[in-house]
Structures are given as C-alpha cells and as structure tokens.
C-alpha cells in the first residue's frame, strides 16, 4: 500500500503498477494475402513457428516463438491483417523473454524487414 489520505485506500488492483507480472497477449497478423507453407514446432530454436508464402509475390514471411501452434494450417489462405497466432516465448526465447521473431525472405533469402515494417506501421 502507498501513503493515502485518511479513509482512502491506495492499494492497487492485482496486476497493476510498475512491477506488474500480468501479461497481455500480443497477436501476430498476416502481412499480405498468403498461403500457409508450414505450421510447426522446433523446441530448441524457434519454438512454435509459421511460414507464410505471399500470394502473387516471391516473398515468404516467417513468424517464430508463438505462444502456441498457429491458428491456421498448412495450405490455408490468410488475408493481410488476419490474426495467425500470439507472441510467446517458445524455443530459445525461453531464455530471453517474450518476443516475435519475424523474417522476410525473397526467393528463399532473408532480407532486412525494417523498411517493410516501417511502411506497414504507418497504417496500424
């Protein structure tokens, strides 16, 4: 409890405040109309991961460390903005904390995703 005026309680509700351990779920969404290429688990490195092949483009999008297997299956079609999973700490993220590992591949080769993320962020 924090100091308060007479008759007032300054206790914060559970999960509130600076040192809160409460977790909020952050969702991963498809970035383009696409087809699911893989929905798998690599318990050592990537944990639950998802590979999405962009429809009509030579790009693939890789999402790793999802909290649980993705909500879509191989071969499913997804739309830009469609929720495909939730950010977690599976695989080696168990040692560094909850985050989303996101990659963009063109013709199978990884590129820096920052320029695309910057463009997409303007619309969120």
Protein backbone atom coordinates (compact mmCIF):
# COMPACT_ATOMS: atom_id res chain seq x y z
CA UNK A 1 0.00 0.00 0.00
CA UNK A 2 1.04 3.55 -0.67
CA UNK A 3 0.50 6.53 1.67
CA UNK A 4 -3.03 7.89 1.37
CA UNK A 5 -5.46 10.37 2.83
CA UNK A 6 -7.49 9.27 5.83
CA UNK A 7 -10.20 6.82 4.85
CA UNK A 8 -8.83 6.20 1.33
CA UNK A 9 -7.16 3.02 0.20
CA UNK A 10 -4.19 3.36 -2.08
CA UNK A 11 -3.85 -0.36 -2.77
CA UNK A 12 -3.57 -1.04 -6.47
CA UNK A 13 -5.61 -3.80 -8.03
CA UNK A 14 -3.65 -7.04 -8.59
CA UNK A 15 -1.55 -6.86 -11.74
CA UNK A 16 -1.45 -3.06 -11.81
CA UNK A 17 1.57 -0.86 -11.32
CA UNK A 18 5.21 -0.60 -12.17
CA UNK A 19 6.28 -4.10 -11.19
CA UNK A 20 3.28 -5.94 -12.61
CA UNK A 21 3.77 -9.54 -13.72
CA UNK A 22 0.42 -9.53 -15.54
CA UNK A 23 0.84 -10.45 -19.18
CA UNK A 24 -1.14 -9.14 -22.07
CA UNK A 25 -1.36 -11.23 -25.19
CA UNK A 26 0.07 -9.64 -28.34
CA UNK A 27 -1.12 -11.11 -31.62
CA UNK A 28 0.73 -11.79 -34.85
CA UNK A 29 -1.14 -10.98 -38.05
CA UNK A 30 -0.57 -11.90 -41.67
CA UNK A 31 1.08 -9.06 -43.59
CA UNK A 32 -0.18 -9.96 -47.07
CA UNK A 33 -2.75 -12.19 -48.75
CA UNK A 34 -0.96 -15.51 -48.49
CA UNK A 35 -0.95 -19.27 -48.24
CA UNK A 36 0.38 -21.12 -45.19
CA UNK A 37 3.55 -23.07 -46.00
CA UNK A 38 4.34 -24.56 -42.59
CA UNK A 39 2.95 -24.57 -39.07
CA UNK A 40 5.49 -26.45 -36.93
CA UNK A 41 7.44 -26.56 -33.70
CA UNK A 42 11.21 -26.55 -33.21
CA UNK A 43 11.52 -26.89 -29.42
CA UNK A 44 15.18 -25.84 -29.34
CA UNK A 45 15.49 -22.76 -31.55
CA UNK A 46 12.26 -21.26 -32.93
CA UNK A 47 9.57 -22.89 -30.80
CA UNK A 48 6.15 -22.70 -32.47
CA UNK A 49 6.64 -21.15 -35.88
CA UNK A 50 4.71 -20.32 -39.00
CA UNK A 51 5.87 -19.83 -42.59
CA UNK A 52 3.56 -17.89 -44.89
CA UNK A 53 4.12 -17.68 -48.66
CA UNK A 54 2.96 -14.35 -50.12
CA UNK A 55 0.31 -14.75 -52.79
CA UNK A 56 1.44 -13.36 -56.14
CA UNK A 57 4.87 -12.35 -54.85
CA UNK A 58 8.20 -14.05 -54.32
CA UNK A 59 8.18 -13.38 -50.58
CA UNK A 60 7.74 -15.58 -47.57
CA UNK A 61 7.09 -14.39 -44.03
CA UNK A 62 8.43 -16.29 -41.03
CA UNK A 63 6.96 -15.90 -37.51
CA UNK A 64 8.62 -17.69 -34.57
CA UNK A 65 8.26 -18.08 -30.79
CA UNK A 66 4.45 -18.15 -30.98
CA UNK A 67 2.90 -18.97 -27.60
CA UNK A 68 1.06 -21.97 -29.08
CA UNK A 69 0.73 -23.53 -32.51
CA UNK A 70 -0.70 -21.08 -35.04
CA UNK A 71 -4.45 -20.97 -35.55
CA UNK A 72 -4.05 -21.82 -39.24
CA UNK A 73 -2.91 -24.97 -41.03
CA UNK A 74 -0.65 -25.71 -43.99
CA UNK A 75 -2.42 -24.82 -47.23
CA UNK A 76 -4.89 -22.41 -45.60
CA UNK A 77 -5.26 -18.98 -47.18
CA UNK A 78 -4.95 -15.91 -44.97
CA UNK A 79 -5.58 -12.22 -45.61
CA UNK A 80 -3.48 -9.21 -44.65
CA UNK A 81 -4.32 -8.32 -41.06
CA UNK A 82 -5.79 -11.73 -40.22
CA UNK A 83 -4.70 -13.00 -36.81
CA UNK A 84 -2.49 -16.08 -37.22
CA UNK A 85 -1.06 -16.57 -33.74
CA UNK A 86 0.03 -14.98 -30.48
CA UNK A 87 3.50 -13.81 -29.47
CA UNK A 88 5.19 -16.07 -26.93
CA UNK A 89 8.47 -17.32 -25.55
CA UNK A 90 8.87 -20.79 -27.04
CA UNK A 91 12.13 -22.28 -28.31
CA UNK A 92 15.22 -20.30 -27.30
CA UNK A 93 13.02 -17.30 -26.41
CA UNK A 94 12.51 -19.03 -23.04
CA UNK A 95 15.86 -17.55 -22.03
CA UNK A 96 15.40 -14.01 -23.40
CA UNK A 97 11.70 -13.34 -22.88
CA UNK A 98 8.53 -12.97 -24.86
CA UNK A 99 9.01 -11.63 -28.40
CA UNK A 100 8.15 -12.26 -32.03
CA UNK A 101 10.94 -13.36 -34.36
CA UNK A 102 9.88 -12.09 -37.80
CA UNK A 103 11.72 -12.56 -41.09
CA UNK A 104 11.01 -11.74 -44.72
CA UNK A 105 12.54 -13.97 -47.41
CA UNK A 106 12.72 -13.16 -51.11
CA UNK A 107 13.44 -16.19 -53.31
CA UNK A 108 14.39 -18.05 -50.12
CA UNK A 109 16.93 -15.46 -48.98
CA UNK A 110 16.42 -13.39 -45.81
CA UNK A 111 16.26 -9.60 -46.18
CA UNK A 112 16.17 -6.80 -43.63
CA UNK A 113 12.48 -6.48 -42.64
CA UNK A 114 12.81 -2.97 -41.15
CA UNK A 115 11.87 -0.95 -44.28
CA UNK A 116 8.70 -3.02 -44.76
CA UNK A 117 7.84 -2.85 -41.05
CA UNK A 118 8.22 0.93 -41.15
CA UNK A 119 5.83 1.20 -44.11
CA UNK A 120 3.29 -1.13 -42.53
CA UNK A 121 3.46 0.64 -39.17
CA UNK A 122 2.15 3.84 -40.73
CA UNK A 123 -1.13 2.03 -41.32
CA UNK A 124 -1.54 0.46 -37.87
